[in-house]
Each structure stands twice: as C-alpha cells, then as structure tokens.
Amino acid sequence: MGKLIRRIRRSQILYVLVIMVLIAVLGFLIYIYLEAEPVEDDSIELVLQSESITIEYGESISSEASDYLDASKVDEEVIEATTVSSDATYETYETVDENGEATTGTYDYPAVGEYTITLTYEDVKATVTLIVVDTTAPEFINLEDEYELSDGETLDVSQFSAKDFSTITITLNDDDVDYQTAGTYTATLKAVDIYDNETTVEIKVIIIIEEEEEVEEEEEEEEETTSTTSSSTSANSSSSSSSSSSSSSSGTSSSGSGTSSDDSSTSDGDSNIDDSSSSDESDSTSENEGDTGGSIDGETNNGTDDSTSEE
C-alpha cells in the first residue's frame, strides 16, 4: 500500500513538472512572437507603372494611385485603398491688394528638383522617383504685328511682357531702327527664364515723319502766290479799262477839232475791244460830231481853228 501511494505521488510530481515545462515553453513562444517584427504580407505587391516619372514645372503632383500602379497587376480594390504622399517642396509667393496689404501663398505645383513619391497599402509600400524640370520657353503676350512710331518716339522694353512659371528677363535689340528717318525696320525681342529657356521674335517698326507743317506752309505759299497773281491780273484789267475810258473821253472832248483828230482818238481808245464794234462806234461818233460842228457858231469855230493853228 505504501508503494502505491509513493507511485501516485511520483506521477503527480511528474505531471506537475510536465505542465510547468509546457507553460514555460508557451510563455517563451509568446514572448518571441510579441518581440518579433511584423511580417509583411507577401501576397500583395504594389506593382508600379514606372520607377520614375518626369513632370514639367507648373504641373501638380497627382494624388491618384492609379497614375502610378499597374492596373493589370494590382487589384482595383488595392489601388483604391492605396494612399499617395511625397516629400516635394513648394514655392511661396506674395501678392499685394489694392489697399497695399501683402498676402503670402503657396503654389500648388512643386519647385524644380527631384523628389520621392510614396505609395502605401496597409503595411505594403512602394516608391516612385519624381523629377520636376523646366523646359518650357517664355511666351510673349499682347504682341502686335507692327508698331507705328511718329518722329521722336522710340520703342521701350518696358512696353513688352511675357508669361512663364519662372522668372524671366526681356531684352530689345533695335540697333537697326533709325528713329529719325521714315521707313520700315525690324527689331528683335528676346525673353529668357532662369533655366535658359528663351523665345526670340522679330517685330516690324514703321517710322512716320510728320510733314504736316511743311505741307501747310507750302499750301499757304501757293495760296499767297495765287492771290498775288489774281491781284496783278485784276490790276492790269482795271488799268486797261481805265485807259480805254480815258481814251474814249479824250476822243469825245476833242471831237470839235475835226474828223481826223476824232478818228485818231477813237482808234486809240478802242484798241482793246472788238474791231467791228470800234468801227461802228467811230462812224456813229463822226456823224454826231459832224452834226454838232454844223450847229456851232462861226465865231466859235474860228476861235477853235485859231487856237489849233497856234498850237
């Protein structure tokens, strides 16, 4: 009986020892599991369309995972659940309103440089290299086909503008333009940004010399010349008329001296009028003078004749 009891006790002790060992092993396994790093789920892989992408300066970074993951190798549910982040830097700008108050903002596109885009789905990650470049040349705005300038006016580089996401410099080459001589010339405009992208255009420059004052002076001189000529012509005509009237008066006053003197005076006075009219008037005058002579008293005639003879 005593041996049986001793056996039972030994069995109990053995069972207890086994249980203790099992507990110890289990605790050790739990400890290892808790301290061990989580194992990634290799069953899901984020397959990229490309390891790197390049965008132009001024473009925004896409936040859609579908723009980076290969839809033919990644489940749609995984793509929709994948988040996108980047370490890109963004430039700031400052604007001034009408009241002179300055406001600072941030552009919605990254600065030129190289960045990393990270795609994350649960514990699975993938990275894409992002390269931002500026290869776009500046573009002139409000540029005219030709520029007409009057005498004394010149082109100024400040009147031209261009647009670009980067800082630009505009230069004007008008060495071939003679602003003092009328004609058509060609000038060159160039816009260059800080990344050496440039745009060069040629513009037509038309120089117009104002000659209105000279033309007006010439017209005034012509008018004065015409006026002088008209006055001279009028004076000559008036002089001729006066001479004709004087001659006619002389012929009439001397009609009593005889027919020959009257004819001579009438002929001189009417030299600028029609011959036929002069002849008729002369005949009429002679007849009138003859009648007048016949009615004059004999003493008067003698006195006239004596006066004539003495002359």
C-alpha atoms as a PDB file:
ATOM      1  CA  MET A   1       0.000   0.000   0.000  1.00  0.00           C
ATOM      2  CA  GLY A   2       2.809   2.325   0.808  1.00  0.00           C
ATOM      3  CA  LYS A   3       4.450   1.607  -2.509  1.00  0.00           C
ATOM      4  CA  LEU A   4       1.214   2.503  -4.348  1.00  0.00           C
ATOM      5  CA  ILE A   5       0.984   5.818  -2.590  1.00  0.00           C
ATOM      6  CA  ARG A   6       4.586   6.605  -3.404  1.00  0.00           C
ATOM      7  CA  ARG A   7       3.958   5.822  -7.080  1.00  0.00           C
ATOM      8  CA  ILE A   8       0.918   8.076  -7.197  1.00  0.00           C
ATOM      9  CA  ARG A   9       2.880  10.918  -5.646  1.00  0.00           C
ATOM     10  CA  ARG A  10       5.679  10.474  -8.134  1.00  0.00           C
ATOM     11  CA  SER A  11       3.184  10.534 -11.003  1.00  0.00           C
ATOM     12  CA  GLN A  12       1.623  13.692  -9.662  1.00  0.00           C
ATOM     13  CA  ILE A  13       5.002  15.349  -9.371  1.00  0.00           C
ATOM     14  CA  LEU A  14       5.874  14.282 -12.895  1.00  0.00           C
ATOM     15  CA  TYR A  15       2.611  15.686 -14.243  1.00  0.00           C
ATOM     16  CA  VAL A  16       3.227  18.943 -12.446  1.00  0.00           C
ATOM     17  CA  LEU A  17       6.734  19.179 -13.875  1.00  0.00           C
ATOM     18  CA  VAL A  18       5.449  18.470 -17.396  1.00  0.00           C
ATOM     19  CA  ILE A  19       2.780  21.109 -17.027  1.00  0.00           C
ATOM     20  CA  MET A  20       5.311  23.607 -15.772  1.00  0.00           C
ATOM     21  CA  VAL A  21       7.601  22.883 -18.702  1.00  0.00           C
ATOM     22  CA  LEU A  22       4.741  23.314 -21.135  1.00  0.00           C
ATOM     23  CA  ILE A  23       3.794  26.599 -19.550  1.00  0.00           C
ATOM     24  CA  ALA A  24       7.369  27.807 -19.748  1.00  0.00           C
ATOM     25  CA  VAL A  25       7.681  26.841 -23.402  1.00  0.00           C
ATOM     26  CA  LEU A  26       4.379  28.500 -24.234  1.00  0.00           C
ATOM     27  CA  GLY A  27       5.400  31.668 -22.442  1.00  0.00           C
ATOM     28  CA  PHE A  28       8.688  31.704 -24.304  1.00  0.00           C
ATOM     29  CA  LEU A  29       6.918  31.321 -27.642  1.00  0.00           C
ATOM     30  CA  ILE A  30       4.557  34.140 -26.770  1.00  0.00           C
ATOM     31  CA  TYR A  31       7.469  36.359 -25.830  1.00  0.00           C
ATOM     32  CA  ILE A  32       9.236  35.649 -29.114  1.00  0.00           C
ATOM     33  CA  TYR A  33       6.071  36.369 -31.079  1.00  0.00           C
ATOM     34  CA  LEU A  34       5.488  39.677 -29.345  1.00  0.00           C
ATOM     35  CA  GLU A  35       9.060  40.839 -29.735  1.00  0.00           C
ATOM     36  CA  ALA A  36       9.439  39.732 -33.315  1.00  0.00           C
ATOM     37  CA  GLU A  37       8.903  42.351 -36.210  1.00  0.00           C
ATOM     38  CA  PRO A  38       5.649  42.038 -38.102  1.00  0.00           C
ATOM     39  CA  VAL A  39       5.936  40.013 -41.237  1.00  0.00           C
ATOM     40  CA  GLU A  40       4.752  41.725 -44.405  1.00  0.00           C
ATOM     41  CA  ASP A  41       2.047  40.163 -46.413  1.00  0.00           C
ATOM     42  CA  ASP A  42       3.914  38.922 -49.440  1.00  0.00           C
ATOM     43  CA  SER A  43       0.695  38.002 -51.126  1.00  0.00           C
ATOM     44  CA  ILE A  44       0.075  41.700 -52.031  1.00  0.00           C
ATOM     45  CA  GLU A  45       2.556  43.608 -54.173  1.00  0.00           C
ATOM     46  CA  LEU A  46       2.284  47.185 -55.403  1.00  0.00           C
ATOM     47  CA  VAL A  47       3.483  46.914 -58.969  1.00  0.00           C
ATOM     48  CA  LEU A  48       4.490  50.290 -60.447  1.00  0.00           C
ATOM     49  CA  GLN A  49       3.991  51.546 -63.974  1.00  0.00           C
ATOM     50  CA  SER A  50       7.438  53.128 -63.835  1.00  0.00           C
ATOM     51  CA  GLU A  51      10.179  53.554 -61.265  1.00  0.00           C
ATOM     52  CA  SER A  52      10.404  57.282 -62.019  1.00  0.00           C
ATOM     53  CA  ILE A  53       8.315  59.968 -63.692  1.00  0.00           C
ATOM     54  CA  THR A  54       9.126  63.445 -65.003  1.00  0.00           C
ATOM     55  CA  ILE A  55       6.752  66.383 -64.995  1.00  0.00           C
ATOM     56  CA  GLU A  56       7.076  69.943 -66.271  1.00  0.00           C
ATOM     57  CA  TYR A  57       7.460  72.799 -63.847  1.00  0.00           C
ATOM     58  CA  GLY A  58       3.977  74.161 -63.248  1.00  0.00           C
ATOM     59  CA  GLU A  59       2.271  70.753 -63.168  1.00  0.00           C
ATOM     60  CA  SER A  60       0.779  69.435 -59.946  1.00  0.00           C
ATOM     61  CA  ILE A  61       1.624  66.051 -58.379  1.00  0.00           C
ATOM     62  CA  SER A  62      -1.142  63.518 -58.869  1.00  0.00           C
ATOM     63  CA  SER A  63      -2.660  62.092 -55.722  1.00  0.00           C
ATOM     64  CA  GLU A  64      -4.277  59.171 -57.543  1.00  0.00           C
ATOM     65  CA  ALA A  65      -2.601  55.782 -57.025  1.00  0.00           C
ATOM     66  CA  SER A  66      -3.918  54.659 -60.390  1.00  0.00           C
ATOM     67  CA  ASP A  67      -1.447  57.066 -62.045  1.00  0.00           C
ATOM     68  CA  TYR A  68       1.458  55.114 -60.570  1.00  0.00           C
ATOM     69  CA  LEU A  69       0.292  51.481 -60.128  1.00  0.00           C
ATOM     70  CA  ASP A  70      -0.076  48.916 -62.892  1.00  0.00           C
ATOM     71  CA  ALA A  71      -3.795  48.179 -63.028  1.00  0.00           C
ATOM     72  CA  SER A  72      -3.201  44.897 -64.880  1.00  0.00           C
ATOM     73  CA  LYS A  73      -1.161  43.510 -61.943  1.00  0.00           C
ATOM     74  CA  VAL A  74      -2.765  45.147 -58.923  1.00  0.00           C
ATOM     75  CA  ASP A  75      -6.340  44.608 -57.799  1.00  0.00           C
ATOM     76  CA  GLU A  76      -8.661  47.550 -58.208  1.00  0.00           C
ATOM     77  CA  GLU A  77      -9.613  47.405 -54.518  1.00  0.00           C
ATOM     78  CA  VAL A  78      -5.957  47.655 -53.557  1.00  0.00           C
ATOM     79  CA  ILE A  79      -5.423  50.625 -55.874  1.00  0.00           C
ATOM     80  CA  GLU A  80      -8.397  52.463 -54.440  1.00  0.00           C
ATOM     81  CA  ALA A  81      -7.167  51.863 -50.886  1.00  0.00           C
ATOM     82  CA  THR A  82      -3.583  52.948 -51.615  1.00  0.00           C
ATOM     83  CA  THR A  83      -2.539  56.429 -50.418  1.00  0.00           C
ATOM     84  CA  VAL A  84      -0.051  58.758 -52.113  1.00  0.00           C
ATOM     85  CA  SER A  85       2.400  61.103 -50.380  1.00  0.00           C
ATOM     86  CA  SER A  86       5.581  62.959 -51.359  1.00  0.00           C
ATOM     87  CA  ASP A  87       8.439  64.962 -49.920  1.00  0.00           C
ATOM     88  CA  ALA A  88       8.195  67.678 -52.614  1.00  0.00           C
ATOM     89  CA  THR A  89       8.784  71.321 -51.700  1.00  0.00           C
ATOM     90  CA  TYR A  90       6.503  74.137 -52.829  1.00  0.00           C
ATOM     91  CA  GLU A  91       7.487  77.732 -53.510  1.00  0.00           C
ATOM     92  CA  THR A  92       5.701  80.653 -51.930  1.00  0.00           C
ATOM     93  CA  TYR A  93       4.582  83.918 -53.481  1.00  0.00           C
ATOM     94  CA  GLU A  94       3.397  87.297 -52.285  1.00  0.00           C
ATOM     95  CA  THR A  95       0.590  89.432 -53.673  1.00  0.00           C
ATOM     96  CA  VAL A  96      -0.398  92.994 -52.824  1.00  0.00           C
ATOM     97  CA  ASP A  97      -4.039  94.069 -52.973  1.00  0.00           C
ATOM     98  CA  GLU A  98      -5.496  97.489 -53.788  1.00  0.00           C
ATOM     99  CA  ASN A  99      -5.064  98.638 -50.185  1.00  0.00           C
ATOM    100  CA  GLY A 100      -1.374  97.771 -50.224  1.00  0.00           C
ATOM    101  CA  GLU A 101      -1.775  94.740 -47.952  1.00  0.00           C
ATOM    102  CA  ALA A 102       0.567  91.857 -48.763  1.00  0.00           C
ATOM    103  CA  THR A 103      -0.666  88.267 -48.780  1.00  0.00           C
ATOM    104  CA  THR A 104       1.596  85.206 -48.894  1.00  0.00           C
ATOM    105  CA  GLY A 105       0.532  81.999 -50.617  1.00  0.00           C
ATOM    106  CA  THR A 106       1.965  78.707 -51.837  1.00  0.00           C
ATOM    107  CA  TYR A 107       1.966  77.430 -55.395  1.00  0.00           C
ATOM    108  CA  ASP A 108       0.086  74.185 -55.991  1.00  0.00           C
ATOM    109  CA  TYR A 109       2.944  72.765 -58.062  1.00  0.00           C
ATOM    110  CA  PRO A 110       6.385  71.676 -56.776  1.00  0.00           C
ATOM    111  CA  ALA A 111       9.606  73.549 -57.402  1.00  0.00           C
ATOM    112  CA  VAL A 112      12.148  72.267 -59.902  1.00  0.00           C
ATOM    113  CA  GLY A 113      14.053  69.328 -58.371  1.00  0.00           C
ATOM    114  CA  GLU A 114      13.954  65.596 -57.571  1.00  0.00           C
ATOM    115  CA  TYR A 115      11.553  64.080 -55.043  1.00  0.00           C
ATOM    116  CA  THR A 116      10.133  60.773 -53.800  1.00  0.00           C
ATOM    117  CA  ILE A 117       6.506  59.714 -54.050  1.00  0.00           C
ATOM    118  CA  THR A 118       5.444  57.000 -51.588  1.00  0.00           C
ATOM    119  CA  LEU A 119       2.527  54.613 -52.198  1.00  0.00           C
ATOM    120  CA  THR A 120       1.146  52.833 -49.146  1.00  0.00           C
ATOM    121  CA  TYR A 121      -1.330  49.974 -48.815  1.00  0.00           C
ATOM    122  CA  GLU A 122      -1.617  48.729 -45.215  1.00  0.00           C
ATOM    123  CA  ASP A 123       1.944  47.562 -44.486  1.00  0.00           C
ATOM    124  CA  VAL A 124       2.995  47.383 -48.128  1.00  0.00           C
ATOM    125  CA  LYS A 125       4.908  50.328 -49.595  1.00  0.00           C
ATOM    126  CA  ALA A 126       6.326  51.324 -52.954  1.00  0.00           C
ATOM    127  CA  THR A 127       8.247  54.437 -54.015  1.00  0.00           C
ATOM    128  CA  VAL A 128       8.473  56.414 -57.267  1.00  0.00           C
ATOM    129  CA  THR A 129      11.149  58.971 -58.123  1.00  0.00           C
ATOM    130  CA  LEU A 130       9.636  62.280 -59.219  1.00  0.00           C
ATOM    131  CA  ILE A 131      11.685  64.686 -61.356  1.00  0.00           C
ATOM    132  CA  VAL A 132      10.409  68.237 -61.920  1.00  0.00           C
ATOM    133  CA  VAL A 133      12.035  70.113 -64.825  1.00  0.00           C
ATOM    134  CA  ASP A 134      11.508  73.424 -66.628  1.00  0.00           C
ATOM    135  CA  THR A 135      11.940  73.107 -70.386  1.00  0.00           C
ATOM    136  CA  THR A 136       9.176  75.495 -71.474  1.00  0.00           C
ATOM    137  CA  ALA A 137      10.256  78.769 -73.092  1.00  0.00           C
ATOM    138  CA  PRO A 138       8.550  82.054 -72.156  1.00  0.00           C
ATOM    139  CA  GLU A 139       5.634  83.225 -74.286  1.00  0.00           C
ATOM    140  CA  PHE A 140       5.150  86.851 -75.317  1.00  0.00           C
ATOM    141  CA  ILE A 141       1.678  88.253 -74.715  1.00  0.00           C
ATOM    142  CA  ASN A 142      -0.207  91.125 -76.385  1.00  0.00           C
ATOM    143  CA  LEU A 143       2.455  91.366 -79.083  1.00  0.00           C
ATOM    144  CA  GLU A 144       1.438  93.403 -82.161  1.00  0.00           C
ATOM    145  CA  ASP A 145       2.354  92.622 -85.770  1.00  0.00           C
ATOM    146  CA  GLU A 146       3.836  96.066 -86.298  1.00  0.00           C
ATOM    147  CA  TYR A 147       4.492  99.240 -84.338  1.00  0.00           C
ATOM    148  CA  GLU A 148       3.975 102.682 -85.898  1.00  0.00           C
ATOM    149  CA  LEU A 149       6.006 105.479 -84.352  1.00  0.00           C
ATOM    150  CA  SER A 150       5.987 109.193 -85.113  1.00  0.00           C
ATOM    151  CA  ASP A 151       9.062 111.373 -85.312  1.00  0.00           C
ATOM    152  CA  GLY A 152      10.688 111.459 -81.875  1.00  0.00           C
ATOM    153  CA  GLU A 153       9.015 108.308 -80.496  1.00  0.00           C
ATOM    154  CA  THR A 154      11.057 105.187 -79.632  1.00  0.00           C
ATOM    155  CA  LEU A 155      10.405 101.618 -78.512  1.00  0.00           C
ATOM    156  CA  ASP A 156      10.876 100.803 -74.839  1.00  0.00           C
ATOM    157  CA  VAL A 157      11.456  97.297 -73.482  1.00  0.00           C
ATOM    158  CA  SER A 158       9.057  98.032 -70.610  1.00  0.00           C
ATOM    159  CA  GLN A 159       6.097  98.015 -73.008  1.00  0.00           C
ATOM    160  CA  PHE A 160       6.586  94.294 -73.737  1.00  0.00           C
ATOM    161  CA  SER A 161       5.654  91.362 -71.482  1.00  0.00           C
ATOM    162  CA  ALA A 162       5.827  87.572 -71.487  1.00  0.00           C
ATOM    163  CA  LYS A 163       4.479  84.776 -69.286  1.00  0.00           C
ATOM    164  CA  ASP A 164       6.394  81.893 -67.730  1.00  0.00           C
ATOM    165  CA  PHE A 165       6.357  79.970 -64.426  1.00  0.00           C
ATOM    166  CA  SER A 166       9.956  81.004 -63.805  1.00  0.00           C
ATOM    167  CA  THR A 167      11.491  84.454 -63.523  1.00  0.00           C
ATOM    168  CA  ILE A 168      12.184  85.931 -66.977  1.00  0.00           C
ATOM    169  CA  THR A 169      14.260  88.717 -68.500  1.00  0.00           C
ATOM    170  CA  ILE A 170      13.183  90.596 -71.663  1.00  0.00           C
ATOM    171  CA  THR A 171      15.661  92.406 -73.924  1.00  0.00           C
ATOM    172  CA  LEU A 172      15.126  94.589 -77.011  1.00  0.00           C
ATOM    173  CA  ASN A 173      17.573  94.975 -79.895  1.00  0.00           C
ATOM    174  CA  ASP A 174      16.633  97.976 -82.051  1.00  0.00           C
ATOM    175  CA  ASP A 175      20.088  98.841 -83.391  1.00  0.00           C
ATOM    176  CA  ASP A 176      18.813  98.649 -86.968  1.00  0.00           C
ATOM    177  CA  VAL A 177      15.984 101.124 -86.356  1.00  0.00           C
ATOM    178  CA  ASP A 178      16.604 104.746 -87.375  1.00  0.00           C
ATOM    179  CA  TYR A 179      14.021 106.664 -85.376  1.00  0.00           C
ATOM    180  CA  GLN A 180      14.836 109.921 -87.208  1.00  0.00           C
ATOM    181  CA  THR A 181      14.242 108.606 -90.738  1.00  0.00           C
ATOM    182  CA  ALA A 182      10.905 107.479 -92.147  1.00  0.00           C
ATOM    183  CA  GLY A 183      10.803 103.840 -93.205  1.00  0.00           C
ATOM    184  CA  THR A 184      10.134 100.251 -92.160  1.00  0.00           C
ATOM    185  CA  TYR A 185      12.618  98.495 -89.878  1.00  0.00           C
ATOM    186  CA  THR A 186      12.990  95.239 -87.919  1.00  0.00           C
ATOM    187  CA  ALA A 187      13.698  94.951 -84.189  1.00  0.00           C
ATOM    188  CA  THR A 188      14.340  91.798 -82.126  1.00  0.00           C
ATOM    189  CA  LEU A 189      12.752  90.833 -78.802  1.00  0.00           C
ATOM    190  CA  LYS A 190      14.138  88.084 -76.572  1.00  0.00           C
ATOM    191  CA  ALA A 191      12.699  86.562 -73.370  1.00  0.00           C
ATOM    192  CA  VAL A 192      14.886  84.221 -71.256  1.00  0.00           C
ATOM    193  CA  ASP A 193      13.962  82.451 -67.997  1.00  0.00           C
ATOM    194  CA  ILE A 194      16.327  81.411 -65.200  1.00  0.00           C
ATOM    195  CA  TYR A 195      16.662  77.919 -66.709  1.00  0.00           C
ATOM    196  CA  ASP A 196      17.937  79.361 -70.039  1.00  0.00           C
ATOM    197  CA  ASN A 197      14.742  78.677 -71.942  1.00  0.00           C
ATOM    198  CA  GLU A 198      14.361  81.517 -74.425  1.00  0.00           C
ATOM    199  CA  THR A 199      11.989  82.876 -77.050  1.00  0.00           C
ATOM    200  CA  THR A 200      13.111  85.266 -79.812  1.00  0.00           C
ATOM    201  CA  VAL A 201      10.742  87.168 -82.102  1.00  0.00           C
ATOM    202  CA  GLU A 202      11.120  89.881 -84.725  1.00  0.00           C
ATOM    203  CA  ILE A 203       8.775  92.858 -84.825  1.00  0.00           C
ATOM    204  CA  LYS A 204       8.155  95.376 -87.607  1.00  0.00           C
ATOM    205  CA  VAL A 205       8.765  99.019 -86.755  1.00  0.00           C
ATOM    206  CA  ILE A 206       7.358 101.757 -89.011  1.00  0.00           C
ATOM    207  CA  ILE A 207       8.735 105.263 -88.538  1.00  0.00           C
ATOM    208  CA  ILE A 208       6.458 108.068 -89.753  1.00  0.00           C
ATOM    209  CA  ILE A 209       7.906 111.575 -90.025  1.00  0.00           C
ATOM    210  CA  GLU A 210       5.266 114.259 -89.565  1.00  0.00           C
ATOM    211  CA  GLU A 211       5.351 116.689 -92.561  1.00  0.00           C
ATOM    212  CA  GLU A 212       2.038 118.440 -91.990  1.00  0.00           C
ATOM    213  CA  GLU A 213       3.634 121.761 -91.048  1.00  0.00           C
ATOM    214  CA  GLU A 214       5.764 121.804 -94.209  1.00  0.00           C
ATOM    215  CA  VAL A 215       2.774 120.890 -96.343  1.00  0.00           C
ATOM    216  CA  GLU A 216       0.703 123.641 -94.715  1.00  0.00           C
ATOM    217  CA  GLU A 217       3.480 126.181 -95.335  1.00  0.00           C
ATOM    218  CA  GLU A 218       3.689 125.124 -98.983  1.00  0.00           C
ATOM    219  CA  GLU A 219      -0.089 125.424 -99.326  1.00  0.00           C
ATOM    220  CA  GLU A 220      -0.004 128.874 -97.750  1.00  0.00           C
ATOM    221  CA  GLU A 221       2.773 129.944-100.131  1.00  0.00           C
ATOM    222  CA  GLU A 222       0.774 128.619-103.078  1.00  0.00           C
ATOM    223  CA  GLU A 223      -2.308 130.484-101.871  1.00  0.00           C
ATOM    224  CA  GLU A 224      -0.285 133.697-101.468  1.00  0.00           C
ATOM    225  CA  THR A 225       1.193 133.258-104.952  1.00  0.00           C
ATOM    226  CA  THR A 226      -2.247 132.616-106.421  1.00  0.00           C
ATOM    227  CA  SER A 227      -3.651 135.651-104.574  1.00  0.00           C
ATOM    228  CA  THR A 228      -0.788 137.842-105.815  1.00  0.00           C
ATOM    229  CA  THR A 229      -1.276 136.639-109.375  1.00  0.00           C
ATOM    230  CA  SER A 230      -5.019 137.273-109.172  1.00  0.00           C
ATOM    231  CA  SER A 231      -4.415 140.772-107.785  1.00  0.00           C
ATOM    232  CA  SER A 232      -1.919 141.532-110.530  1.00  0.00           C
ATOM    233  CA  THR A 233      -4.317 140.313-113.188  1.00  0.00           C
ATOM    234  CA  SER A 234      -7.133 142.355-111.685  1.00  0.00           C
ATOM    235  CA  ALA A 235      -4.931 145.431-111.565  1.00  0.00           C
ATOM    236  CA  ASN A 236      -3.904 145.015-115.200  1.00  0.00           C
ATOM    237  CA  SER A 237      -7.530 144.568-116.213  1.00  0.00           C
ATOM    238  CA  SER A 238      -8.519 147.646-114.228  1.00  0.00           C
ATOM    239  CA  SER A 239      -5.673 149.622-115.776  1.00  0.00           C
ATOM    240  CA  SER A 240      -6.736 148.576-119.265  1.00  0.00           C
ATOM    241  CA  SER A 241     -10.321 149.573-118.527  1.00  0.00           C
ATOM    242  CA  SER A 242      -9.164 152.935-117.191  1.00  0.00           C
ATOM    243  CA  SER A 243      -7.023 153.515-120.264  1.00  0.00           C
ATOM    244  CA  SER A 244      -9.940 152.655-122.530  1.00  0.00           C
ATOM    245  CA  SER A 245     -12.253 155.009-120.668  1.00  0.00           C
ATOM    246  CA  SER A 246      -9.650 157.777-120.741  1.00  0.00           C
ATOM    247  CA  SER A 247      -9.107 157.373-124.474  1.00  0.00           C
ATOM    248  CA  SER A 248     -12.825 157.448-125.149  1.00  0.00           C
ATOM    249  CA  SER A 249     -13.175 160.616-123.088  1.00  0.00           C
ATOM    250  CA  SER A 250     -10.298 162.249-124.935  1.00  0.00           C
ATOM    251  CA  GLY A 251     -11.839 161.393-128.301  1.00  0.00           C
ATOM    252  CA  THR A 252     -15.162 162.841-127.305  1.00  0.00           C
ATOM    253  CA  SER A 253     -13.759 166.090-125.888  1.00  0.00           C
ATOM    254  CA  SER A 254     -11.684 166.767-128.954  1.00  0.00           C
ATOM    255  CA  SER A 255     -14.417 165.949-131.465  1.00  0.00           C
ATOM    256  CA  GLY A 256     -14.830 169.600-132.299  1.00  0.00           C
ATOM    257  CA  SER A 257     -11.232 169.826-133.597  1.00  0.00           C
ATOM    258  CA  GLY A 258     -12.007 167.904-136.755  1.00  0.00           C
ATOM    259  CA  THR A 259     -12.857 164.488-138.031  1.00  0.00           C
ATOM    260  CA  SER A 260      -9.279 163.307-138.381  1.00  0.00           C
ATOM    261  CA  SER A 261      -8.434 164.087-134.721  1.00  0.00           C
ATOM    262  CA  ASP A 262     -11.615 162.381-133.533  1.00  0.00           C
ATOM    263  CA  ASP A 263     -10.917 159.288-135.601  1.00  0.00           C
ATOM    264  CA  SER A 264      -7.415 159.055-134.161  1.00  0.00           C
ATOM    265  CA  SER A 265      -8.630 159.379-130.556  1.00  0.00           C
ATOM    266  CA  THR A 266     -11.401 156.871-131.099  1.00  0.00           C
ATOM    267  CA  SER A 267      -8.969 154.404-132.659  1.00  0.00           C
ATOM    268  CA  ASP A 268      -6.527 154.731-129.708  1.00  0.00           C
ATOM    269  CA  GLY A 269      -9.244 154.417-127.089  1.00  0.00           C
ATOM    270  CA  ASP A 270     -10.796 151.295-128.518  1.00  0.00           C
ATOM    271  CA  SER A 271      -7.635 149.281-129.202  1.00  0.00           C
ATOM    272  CA  ASN A 272      -8.636 146.542-126.656  1.00  0.00           C
ATOM    273  CA  ILE A 273     -12.200 145.925-127.947  1.00  0.00           C
ATOM    274  CA  ASP A 274     -13.699 144.254-130.967  1.00  0.00           C
ATOM    275  CA  ASP A 275     -12.764 145.933-134.334  1.00  0.00           C
ATOM    276  CA  SER A 276     -16.271 145.831-135.744  1.00  0.00           C
ATOM    277  CA  SER A 277     -17.674 147.457-132.638  1.00  0.00           C
ATOM    278  CA  SER A 278     -14.946 150.118-132.765  1.00  0.00           C
ATOM    279  CA  SER A 279     -15.726 150.868-136.416  1.00  0.00           C
ATOM    280  CA  ASP A 280     -19.420 151.258-135.767  1.00  0.00           C
ATOM    281  CA  GLU A 281     -18.868 153.451-132.761  1.00  0.00           C
ATOM    282  CA  SER A 282     -16.347 155.561-134.709  1.00  0.00           C
ATOM    283  CA  ASP A 283     -18.770 156.099-137.557  1.00  0.00           C
ATOM    284  CA  SER A 284     -21.537 156.992-135.168  1.00  0.00           C
ATOM    285  CA  THR A 285     -19.287 159.375-133.318  1.00  0.00           C
ATOM    286  CA  SER A 286     -18.161 161.048-136.560  1.00  0.00           C
ATOM    287  CA  GLU A 287     -21.741 161.563-137.666  1.00  0.00           C
ATOM    288  CA  ASN A 288     -22.672 163.026-134.328  1.00  0.00           C
ATOM    289  CA  GLU A 289     -19.616 165.237-134.353  1.00  0.00           C
ATOM    290  CA  GLY A 290     -20.450 166.448-137.893  1.00  0.00           C
ATOM    291  CA  ASP A 291     -23.903 167.431-136.804  1.00  0.00           C
ATOM    292  CA  THR A 292     -22.545 169.183-133.803  1.00  0.00           C
ATOM    293  CA  GLY A 293     -19.997 171.077-135.849  1.00  0.00           C
ATOM    294  CA  GLY A 294     -22.646 172.366-138.184  1.00  0.00           C
ATOM    295  CA  SER A 295     -24.651 173.905-135.376  1.00  0.00           C
ATOM    296  CA  ILE A 296     -21.701 175.679-133.760  1.00  0.00           C
ATOM    297  CA  ASP A 297     -21.475 179.456-134.225  1.00  0.00           C
ATOM    298  CA  GLY A 298     -18.935 180.660-136.775  1.00  0.00           C
ATOM    299  CA  GLU A 299     -17.066 182.710-134.213  1.00  0.00           C
ATOM    300  CA  THR A 300     -16.682 179.723-132.044  1.00  0.00           C
ATOM    301  CA  ASN A 301     -15.341 177.713-134.959  1.00  0.00           C
ATOM    302  CA  ASN A 302     -12.911 180.457-135.836  1.00  0.00           C
ATOM    303  CA  GLY A 303     -11.736 180.676-132.295  1.00  0.00           C
ATOM    304  CA  THR A 304     -11.186 176.949-132.227  1.00  0.00           C
ATOM    305  CA  ASP A 305      -9.308 176.975-135.509  1.00  0.00           C
ATOM    306  CA  ASP A 306      -7.102 179.871-134.409  1.00  0.00           C
ATOM    307  CA  SER A 307      -6.333 178.086-131.188  1.00  0.00           C
ATOM    308  CA  THR A 308      -5.450 174.979-133.096  1.00  0.00           C
ATOM    309  CA  SER A 309      -3.226 176.822-135.505  1.00  0.00           C
ATOM    310  CA  GLU A 310      -1.289 178.467-132.717  1.00  0.00           C
ATOM    311  CA  GLU A 311      -0.730 175.090-131.135  1.00  0.00           C
END
